[in-house]
Amino acid sequence: MLCGKVTGTIVSTRKVDALVGSKFLEVRLYRNNQDTEEYLVAVDRVGAGIGEKVLITTGSGARLALDSHDIPTDAVIVGIIDE
């Protein structure tokens, strides 16, 4: 899993039908409790907001976090980190 901070939302008016209704967030990754210059876009499953620290799963594990295992995604927010 990865840790990051939500920096913004991504709006996509056209997407694969399986992703319609999904919320996309831009996340700045951090390691050893320090920000990096790495960003990724993740599907939000927990209702995270801008500025919140989150847990992200990637790869095949990301699909398992969704309702259907056939949804094309590589990163899913699966938790909000308590401060």
PDB file of N, CA and C in Angstrom:
ATOM      1  N   MET A   1       0.831  -1.175   0.000  1.00  0.00           N
ATOM      2  CA  MET A   1       0.000   0.000   0.000  1.00  0.00           C
ATOM      3  C   MET A   1       0.876   1.239   0.000  1.00  0.00           C
ATOM      4  N   LEU A   2       0.275   2.317  -0.464  1.00  0.00           N
ATOM      5  CA  LEU A   2       0.950   3.609  -0.511  1.00  0.00           C
ATOM      6  C   LEU A   2       0.214   4.595   0.383  1.00  0.00           C
ATOM      7  N   CYS A   3       0.914   5.636   0.807  1.00  0.00           N
ATOM      8  CA  CYS A   3       0.307   6.717   1.576  1.00  0.00           C
ATOM      9  C   CYS A   3       0.423   7.997   0.764  1.00  0.00           C
ATOM     10  N   GLY A   4      -0.565   8.862   0.907  1.00  0.00           N
ATOM     11  CA  GLY A   4      -0.518  10.126   0.191  1.00  0.00           C
ATOM     12  C   GLY A   4      -1.503  11.112   0.761  1.00  0.00           C
ATOM     13  N   LYS A   5      -1.482  12.325   0.184  1.00  0.00           N
ATOM     14  CA  LYS A   5      -2.393  13.377   0.589  1.00  0.00           C
ATOM     15  C   LYS A   5      -3.176  13.816  -0.644  1.00  0.00           C
ATOM     16  N   VAL A   6      -4.492  13.897  -0.503  1.00  0.00           N
ATOM     17  CA  VAL A   6      -5.355  14.293  -1.619  1.00  0.00           C
ATOM     18  C   VAL A   6      -5.103  15.767  -1.921  1.00  0.00           C
ATOM     19  N   THR A   7      -4.781  16.061  -3.189  1.00  0.00           N
ATOM     20  CA  THR A   7      -4.487  17.433  -3.598  1.00  0.00           C
ATOM     21  C   THR A   7      -5.541  18.018  -4.513  1.00  0.00           C
ATOM     22  N   GLY A   8      -6.403  17.202  -5.067  1.00  0.00           N
ATOM     23  CA  GLY A   8      -7.422  17.741  -5.960  1.00  0.00           C
ATOM     24  C   GLY A   8      -8.322  16.664  -6.512  1.00  0.00           C
ATOM     25  N   THR A   9      -9.297  17.105  -7.274  1.00  0.00           N
ATOM     26  CA  THR A   9     -10.222  16.183  -7.937  1.00  0.00           C
ATOM     27  C   THR A   9      -9.948  16.175  -9.427  1.00  0.00           C
ATOM     28  N   ILE A  10     -10.289  15.080 -10.047  1.00  0.00           N
ATOM     29  CA  ILE A  10     -10.157  14.935 -11.492  1.00  0.00           C
ATOM     30  C   ILE A  10     -11.555  14.768 -12.062  1.00  0.00           C
ATOM     31  N   VAL A  11     -11.896  15.595 -13.046  1.00  0.00           N
ATOM     32  CA  VAL A  11     -13.207  15.493 -13.691  1.00  0.00           C
ATOM     33  C   VAL A  11     -13.015  14.855 -15.048  1.00  0.00           C
ATOM     34  N   SER A  12     -13.765  13.804 -15.298  1.00  0.00           N
ATOM     35  CA  SER A  12     -13.707  13.101 -16.575  1.00  0.00           C
ATOM     36  C   SER A  12     -15.138  12.937 -17.084  1.00  0.00           C
ATOM     37  N   THR A  13     -15.469  13.663 -18.136  1.00  0.00           N
ATOM     38  CA  THR A  13     -16.839  13.597 -18.645  1.00  0.00           C
ATOM     39  C   THR A  13     -17.078  12.356 -19.495  1.00  0.00           C
ATOM     40  N   ARG A  14     -16.020  11.786 -20.030  1.00  0.00           N
ATOM     41  CA  ARG A  14     -16.142  10.552 -20.813  1.00  0.00           C
ATOM     42  C   ARG A  14     -15.199   9.519 -20.239  1.00  0.00           C
ATOM     43  N   LYS A  15     -15.750   8.350 -19.952  1.00  0.00           N
ATOM     44  CA  LYS A  15     -14.945   7.274 -19.379  1.00  0.00           C
ATOM     45  C   LYS A  15     -15.610   5.939 -19.653  1.00  0.00           C
ATOM     46  N   VAL A  16     -14.920   4.868 -19.353  1.00  0.00           N
ATOM     47  CA  VAL A  16     -15.455   3.523 -19.488  1.00  0.00           C
ATOM     48  C   VAL A  16     -16.738   3.435 -18.652  1.00  0.00           C
ATOM     49  N   ASP A  17     -17.750   2.784 -19.187  1.00  0.00           N
ATOM     50  CA  ASP A  17     -19.046   2.696 -18.507  1.00  0.00           C
ATOM     51  C   ASP A  17     -18.927   2.194 -17.067  1.00  0.00           C
ATOM     52  N   ALA A  18     -18.026   1.267 -16.814  1.00  0.00           N
ATOM     53  CA  ALA A  18     -17.874   0.696 -15.474  1.00  0.00           C
ATOM     54  C   ALA A  18     -17.392   1.723 -14.455  1.00  0.00           C
ATOM     55  N   LEU A  19     -16.807   2.836 -14.925  1.00  0.00           N
ATOM     56  CA  LEU A  19     -16.296   3.862 -14.020  1.00  0.00           C
ATOM     57  C   LEU A  19     -17.246   5.050 -13.854  1.00  0.00           C
ATOM     58  N   VAL A  20     -18.376   5.031 -14.550  1.00  0.00           N
ATOM     59  CA  VAL A  20     -19.346   6.114 -14.398  1.00  0.00           C
ATOM     60  C   VAL A  20     -19.830   6.145 -12.950  1.00  0.00           C
ATOM     61  N   GLY A  21     -19.826   7.318 -12.361  1.00  0.00           N
ATOM     62  CA  GLY A  21     -20.227   7.472 -10.967  1.00  0.00           C
ATOM     63  C   GLY A  21     -19.071   7.395  -9.988  1.00  0.00           C
ATOM     64  N   SER A  22     -17.894   7.024 -10.460  1.00  0.00           N
ATOM     65  CA  SER A  22     -16.716   6.957  -9.592  1.00  0.00           C
ATOM     66  C   SER A  22     -16.115   8.345  -9.418  1.00  0.00           C
ATOM     67  N   LYS A  23     -15.569   8.600  -8.242  1.00  0.00           N
ATOM     68  CA  LYS A  23     -14.898   9.867  -7.947  1.00  0.00           C
ATOM     69  C   LYS A  23     -13.394   9.638  -8.086  1.00  0.00           C
ATOM     70  N   PHE A  24     -12.744  10.499  -8.860  1.00  0.00           N
ATOM     71  CA  PHE A  24     -11.305  10.408  -9.077  1.00  0.00           C
ATOM     72  C   PHE A  24     -10.603  11.522  -8.316  1.00  0.00           C
ATOM     73  N   LEU A  25      -9.548  11.176  -7.590  1.00  0.00           N
ATOM     74  CA  LEU A  25      -8.797  12.160  -6.824  1.00  0.00           C
ATOM     75  C   LEU A  25      -7.324  12.122  -7.195  1.00  0.00           C
ATOM     76  N   GLU A  26      -6.703  13.290  -7.225  1.00  0.00           N
ATOM     77  CA  GLU A  26      -5.265  13.380  -7.420  1.00  0.00           C
ATOM     78  C   GLU A  26      -4.619  13.305  -6.040  1.00  0.00           C
ATOM     79  N   VAL A  27      -3.606  12.446  -5.921  1.00  0.00           N
ATOM     80  CA  VAL A  27      -2.961  12.206  -4.634  1.00  0.00           C
ATOM     81  C   VAL A  27      -1.457  12.418  -4.772  1.00  0.00           C
ATOM     82  N   ARG A  28      -0.905  13.199  -3.846  1.00  0.00           N
ATOM     83  CA  ARG A  28       0.553  13.378  -3.783  1.00  0.00           C
ATOM     84  C   ARG A  28       1.092  12.344  -2.807  1.00  0.00           C
ATOM     85  N   LEU A  29       1.965  11.490  -3.277  1.00  0.00           N
ATOM     86  CA  LEU A  29       2.508  10.412  -2.440  1.00  0.00           C
ATOM     87  C   LEU A  29       3.520  10.952  -1.443  1.00  0.00           C
ATOM     88  N   TYR A  30       3.626  10.265  -0.313  1.00  0.00           N
ATOM     89  CA  TYR A  30       4.691  10.578   0.629  1.00  0.00           C
ATOM     90  C   TYR A  30       5.307   9.293   1.158  1.00  0.00           C
ATOM     91  N   ARG A  31       6.577   9.425   1.510  1.00  0.00           N
ATOM     92  CA  ARG A  31       7.341   8.299   2.049  1.00  0.00           C
ATOM     93  C   ARG A  31       8.099   8.793   3.275  1.00  0.00           C
ATOM     94  N   ASN A  32       8.189   7.947   4.288  1.00  0.00           N
ATOM     95  CA  ASN A  32       8.868   8.319   5.535  1.00  0.00           C
ATOM     96  C   ASN A  32       8.331   9.633   6.091  1.00  0.00           C
ATOM     97  N   ASN A  33       7.021   9.803   5.942  1.00  0.00           N
ATOM     98  CA  ASN A  33       6.308  10.980   6.452  1.00  0.00           C
ATOM     99  C   ASN A  33       6.750  12.283   5.789  1.00  0.00           C
ATOM    100  N   GLN A  34       7.297  12.198   4.567  1.00  0.00           N
ATOM    101  CA  GLN A  34       7.706  13.385   3.832  1.00  0.00           C
ATOM    102  C   GLN A  34       7.119  13.339   2.431  1.00  0.00           C
ATOM    103  N   ASP A  35       6.655  14.508   1.961  1.00  0.00           N
ATOM    104  CA  ASP A  35       6.095  14.600   0.618  1.00  0.00           C
ATOM    105  C   ASP A  35       7.138  14.242  -0.432  1.00  0.00           C
ATOM    106  N   THR A  36       6.666  13.659  -1.523  1.00  0.00           N
ATOM    107  CA  THR A  36       7.517  13.422  -2.687  1.00  0.00           C
ATOM    108  C   THR A  36       6.978  14.283  -3.822  1.00  0.00           C
ATOM    109  N   GLU A  37       7.594  14.210  -4.950  1.00  0.00           N
ATOM    110  CA  GLU A  37       7.102  14.898  -6.144  1.00  0.00           C
ATOM    111  C   GLU A  37       6.296  13.945  -7.030  1.00  0.00           C
ATOM    112  N   GLU A  38       5.882  12.818  -6.462  1.00  0.00           N
ATOM    113  CA  GLU A  38       5.106  11.822  -7.201  1.00  0.00           C
ATOM    114  C   GLU A  38       3.615  12.014  -6.943  1.00  0.00           C
ATOM    115  N   TYR A  39       2.845  11.949  -8.017  1.00  0.00           N
ATOM    116  CA  TYR A  39       1.396  12.062  -7.937  1.00  0.00           C
ATOM    117  C   TYR A  39       0.766  10.878  -8.651  1.00  0.00           C
ATOM    118  N   LEU A  40      -0.460  10.556  -8.278  1.00  0.00           N
ATOM    119  CA  LEU A  40      -1.232   9.570  -9.025  1.00  0.00           C
ATOM    120  C   LEU A  40      -2.702   9.914  -8.918  1.00  0.00           C
ATOM    121  N   VAL A  41      -3.473   9.320  -9.804  1.00  0.00           N
ATOM    122  CA  VAL A  41      -4.926   9.474  -9.782  1.00  0.00           C
ATOM    123  C   VAL A  41      -5.507   8.168  -9.263  1.00  0.00           C
ATOM    124  N   ALA A  42      -6.399   8.269  -8.284  1.00  0.00           N
ATOM    125  CA  ALA A  42      -6.974   7.071  -7.678  1.00  0.00           C
ATOM    126  C   ALA A  42      -8.494   7.197  -7.606  1.00  0.00           C
ATOM    127  N   VAL A  43      -9.162   6.064  -7.714  1.00  0.00           N
ATOM    128  CA  VAL A  43     -10.603   6.002  -7.514  1.00  0.00           C
ATOM    129  C   VAL A  43     -10.848   6.039  -6.003  1.00  0.00           C
ATOM    130  N   ASP A  44     -11.774   6.909  -5.573  1.00  0.00           N
ATOM    131  CA  ASP A  44     -12.064   7.056  -4.145  1.00  0.00           C
ATOM    132  C   ASP A  44     -13.200   6.127  -3.736  1.00  0.00           C
ATOM    133  N   ARG A  45     -12.951   5.253  -2.737  1.00  0.00           N
ATOM    134  CA  ARG A  45     -13.988   4.340  -2.231  1.00  0.00           C
ATOM    135  C   ARG A  45     -14.436   4.675  -0.820  1.00  0.00           C
ATOM    136  N   VAL A  46     -13.826   5.706  -0.202  1.00  0.00           N
ATOM    137  CA  VAL A  46     -14.113   5.969   1.206  1.00  0.00           C
ATOM    138  C   VAL A  46     -14.601   7.390   1.491  1.00  0.00           C
ATOM    139  N   GLY A  47     -14.780   8.204   0.470  1.00  0.00           N
ATOM    140  CA  GLY A  47     -15.257   9.565   0.685  1.00  0.00           C
ATOM    141  C   GLY A  47     -14.198  10.526   1.178  1.00  0.00           C
ATOM    142  N   ALA A  48     -12.974  10.361   0.698  1.00  0.00           N
ATOM    143  CA  ALA A  48     -11.871  11.236   1.100  1.00  0.00           C
ATOM    144  C   ALA A  48     -12.064  12.626   0.497  1.00  0.00           C
ATOM    145  N   GLY A  49     -11.470  13.611   1.169  1.00  0.00           N
ATOM    146  CA  GLY A  49     -11.547  14.981   0.691  1.00  0.00           C
ATOM    147  C   GLY A  49     -10.171  15.580   0.519  1.00  0.00           C
ATOM    148  N   ILE A  50     -10.139  16.748  -0.096  1.00  0.00           N
ATOM    149  CA  ILE A  50      -8.874  17.440  -0.334  1.00  0.00           C
ATOM    150  C   ILE A  50      -8.206  17.744   1.002  1.00  0.00           C
ATOM    151  N   GLY A  51      -6.906  17.456   1.085  1.00  0.00           N
ATOM    152  CA  GLY A  51      -6.125  17.698   2.288  1.00  0.00           C
ATOM    153  C   GLY A  51      -6.024  16.506   3.219  1.00  0.00           C
ATOM    154  N   GLU A  52      -6.823  15.471   2.984  1.00  0.00           N
ATOM    155  CA  GLU A  52      -6.777  14.300   3.859  1.00  0.00           C
ATOM    156  C   GLU A  52      -5.666  13.345   3.429  1.00  0.00           C
ATOM    157  N   LYS A  53      -5.049  12.717   4.422  1.00  0.00           N
ATOM    158  CA  LYS A  53      -4.058  11.675   4.152  1.00  0.00           C
ATOM    159  C   LYS A  53      -4.810  10.363   3.964  1.00  0.00           C
ATOM    160  N   VAL A  54      -4.380   9.596   2.961  1.00  0.00           N
ATOM    161  CA  VAL A  54      -5.115   8.390   2.583  1.00  0.00           C
ATOM    162  C   VAL A  54      -4.187   7.208   2.361  1.00  0.00           C
ATOM    163  N   LEU A  55      -4.787   6.010   2.421  1.00  0.00           N
ATOM    164  CA  LEU A  55      -4.113   4.761   2.052  1.00  0.00           C
ATOM    165  C   LEU A  55      -4.594   4.364   0.670  1.00  0.00           C
ATOM    166  N   ILE A  56      -3.660   3.946  -0.162  1.00  0.00           N
ATOM    167  CA  ILE A  56      -3.969   3.596  -1.541  1.00  0.00           C
ATOM    168  C   ILE A  56      -3.455   2.202  -1.830  1.00  0.00           C
ATOM    169  N   THR A  57      -4.286   1.412  -2.472  1.00  0.00           N
ATOM    170  CA  THR A  57      -3.819   0.123  -2.956  1.00  0.00           C
ATOM    171  C   THR A  57      -3.723   0.213  -4.476  1.00  0.00           C
ATOM    172  N   THR A  58      -2.734  -0.485  -5.046  1.00  0.00           N
ATOM    173  CA  THR A  58      -2.503  -0.400  -6.488  1.00  0.00           C
ATOM    174  C   THR A  58      -2.452  -1.792  -7.104  1.00  0.00           C
ATOM    175  N   GLY A  59      -2.395  -1.806  -8.406  1.00  0.00           N
ATOM    176  CA  GLY A  59      -2.277  -3.063  -9.137  1.00  0.00           C
ATOM    177  C   GLY A  59      -3.521  -3.916  -9.036  1.00  0.00           C
ATOM    178  N   SER A  60      -3.337  -5.223  -9.037  1.00  0.00           N
ATOM    179  CA  SER A  60      -4.484  -6.129  -9.017  1.00  0.00           C
ATOM    180  C   SER A  60      -5.285  -6.000  -7.724  1.00  0.00           C
ATOM    181  N   GLY A  61      -4.626  -5.593  -6.632  1.00  0.00           N
ATOM    182  CA  GLY A  61      -5.335  -5.370  -5.377  1.00  0.00           C
ATOM    183  C   GLY A  61      -6.346  -4.236  -5.475  1.00  0.00           C
ATOM    184  N   ALA A  62      -6.089  -3.284  -6.348  1.00  0.00           N
ATOM    185  CA  ALA A  62      -7.010  -2.159  -6.517  1.00  0.00           C
ATOM    186  C   ALA A  62      -8.352  -2.642  -7.067  1.00  0.00           C
ATOM    187  N   ARG A  63      -8.313  -3.551  -7.999  1.00  0.00           N
ATOM    188  CA  ARG A  63      -9.579  -4.066  -8.559  1.00  0.00           C
ATOM    189  C   ARG A  63     -10.384  -4.802  -7.506  1.00  0.00           C
ATOM    190  N   LEU A  64      -9.716  -5.468  -6.575  1.00  0.00           N
ATOM    191  CA  LEU A  64     -10.427  -6.205  -5.527  1.00  0.00           C
ATOM    192  C   LEU A  64     -11.174  -5.277  -4.582  1.00  0.00           C
ATOM    193  N   ALA A  65     -10.763  -4.004  -4.516  1.00  0.00           N
ATOM    194  CA  ALA A  65     -11.420  -3.041  -3.631  1.00  0.00           C
ATOM    195  C   ALA A  65     -12.710  -2.481  -4.240  1.00  0.00           C
ATOM    196  N   LEU A  66     -12.965  -2.811  -5.495  1.00  0.00           N
ATOM    197  CA  LEU A  66     -14.152  -2.310  -6.181  1.00  0.00           C
ATOM    198  C   LEU A  66     -15.250  -3.362  -6.181  1.00  0.00           C
ATOM    199  N   ASP A  67     -16.463  -2.930  -6.524  1.00  0.00           N
ATOM    200  CA  ASP A  67     -17.605  -3.839  -6.519  1.00  0.00           C
ATOM    201  C   ASP A  67     -17.464  -4.960  -7.542  1.00  0.00           C
ATOM    202  N   SER A  68     -16.833  -4.657  -8.650  1.00  0.00           N
ATOM    203  CA  SER A  68     -16.630  -5.652  -9.703  1.00  0.00           C
ATOM    204  C   SER A  68     -15.139  -5.771  -9.981  1.00  0.00           C
ATOM    205  N   HIS A  69     -14.659  -6.964 -10.169  1.00  0.00           N
ATOM    206  CA  HIS A  69     -13.234  -7.183 -10.426  1.00  0.00           C
ATOM    207  C   HIS A  69     -12.871  -6.914 -11.877  1.00  0.00           C
ATOM    208  N   ASP A  70     -13.870  -6.556 -12.695  1.00  0.00           N
ATOM    209  CA  ASP A  70     -13.623  -6.290 -14.108  1.00  0.00           C
ATOM    210  C   ASP A  70     -13.451  -4.806 -14.414  1.00  0.00           C
ATOM    211  N   ILE A  71     -13.494  -3.947 -13.392  1.00  0.00           N
ATOM    212  CA  ILE A  71     -13.368  -2.508 -13.614  1.00  0.00           C
ATOM    213  C   ILE A  71     -11.895  -2.158 -13.832  1.00  0.00           C
ATOM    214  N   PRO A  72     -11.585  -1.462 -14.921  1.00  0.00           N
ATOM    215  CA  PRO A  72     -10.188  -1.145 -15.216  1.00  0.00           C
ATOM    216  C   PRO A  72      -9.676  -0.006 -14.331  1.00  0.00           C
ATOM    217  N   THR A  73      -8.873  -0.341 -13.359  1.00  0.00           N
ATOM    218  CA  THR A  73      -8.275   0.672 -12.489  1.00  0.00           C
ATOM    219  C   THR A  73      -6.947   0.168 -11.951  1.00  0.00           C
ATOM    220  N   ASP A  74      -6.080   1.113 -11.617  1.00  0.00           N
ATOM    221  CA  ASP A  74      -4.763   0.738 -11.111  1.00  0.00           C
ATOM    222  C   ASP A  74      -4.506   1.264  -9.704  1.00  0.00           C
ATOM    223  N   ALA A  75      -5.359   2.188  -9.216  1.00  0.00           N
ATOM    224  CA  ALA A  75      -5.149   2.749  -7.883  1.00  0.00           C
ATOM    225  C   ALA A  75      -6.504   3.078  -7.255  1.00  0.00           C
ATOM    226  N   VAL A  76      -6.699   2.642  -6.002  1.00  0.00           N
ATOM    227  CA  VAL A  76      -7.960   2.887  -5.297  1.00  0.00           C
ATOM    228  C   VAL A  76      -7.641   3.355  -3.875  1.00  0.00           C
ATOM    229  N   ILE A  77      -8.311   4.421  -3.445  1.00  0.00           N
ATOM    230  CA  ILE A  77      -8.186   4.881  -2.070  1.00  0.00           C
ATOM    231  C   ILE A  77      -9.069   3.980  -1.199  1.00  0.00           C
ATOM    232  N   VAL A  78      -8.441   3.314  -0.226  1.00  0.00           N
ATOM    233  CA  VAL A  78      -9.158   2.341   0.603  1.00  0.00           C
ATOM    234  C   VAL A  78      -9.230   2.738   2.079  1.00  0.00           C
ATOM    235  N   GLY A  79      -8.611   3.865   2.454  1.00  0.00           N
ATOM    236  CA  GLY A  79      -8.666   4.278   3.843  1.00  0.00           C
ATOM    237  C   GLY A  79      -8.244   5.721   4.012  1.00  0.00           C
ATOM    238  N   ILE A  80      -8.758   6.352   5.071  1.00  0.00           N
ATOM    239  CA  ILE A  80      -8.356   7.685   5.459  1.00  0.00           C
ATOM    240  C   ILE A  80      -7.509   7.546   6.723  1.00  0.00           C
ATOM    241  N   ILE A  81      -6.327   8.160   6.716  1.00  0.00           N
ATOM    242  CA  ILE A  81      -5.399   8.043   7.843  1.00  0.00           C
ATOM    243  C   ILE A  81      -5.786   9.054   8.917  1.00  0.00           C
ATOM    244  N   ASP A  82      -5.955   8.579  10.150  1.00  0.00           N
ATOM    245  CA  ASP A  82      -6.265   9.450  11.277  1.00  0.00           C
ATOM    246  C   ASP A  82      -5.027  10.236  11.661  1.00  0.00           C
ATOM    247  N   GLU A  83      -5.241  11.470  12.015  1.00  0.00           N
ATOM    248  CA  GLU A  83      -4.126  12.333  12.447  1.00  0.00           C
ATOM    249  C   GLU A  83      -3.862  12.139  13.914  1.00  0.00           C
TER     250      GLU A  83
END
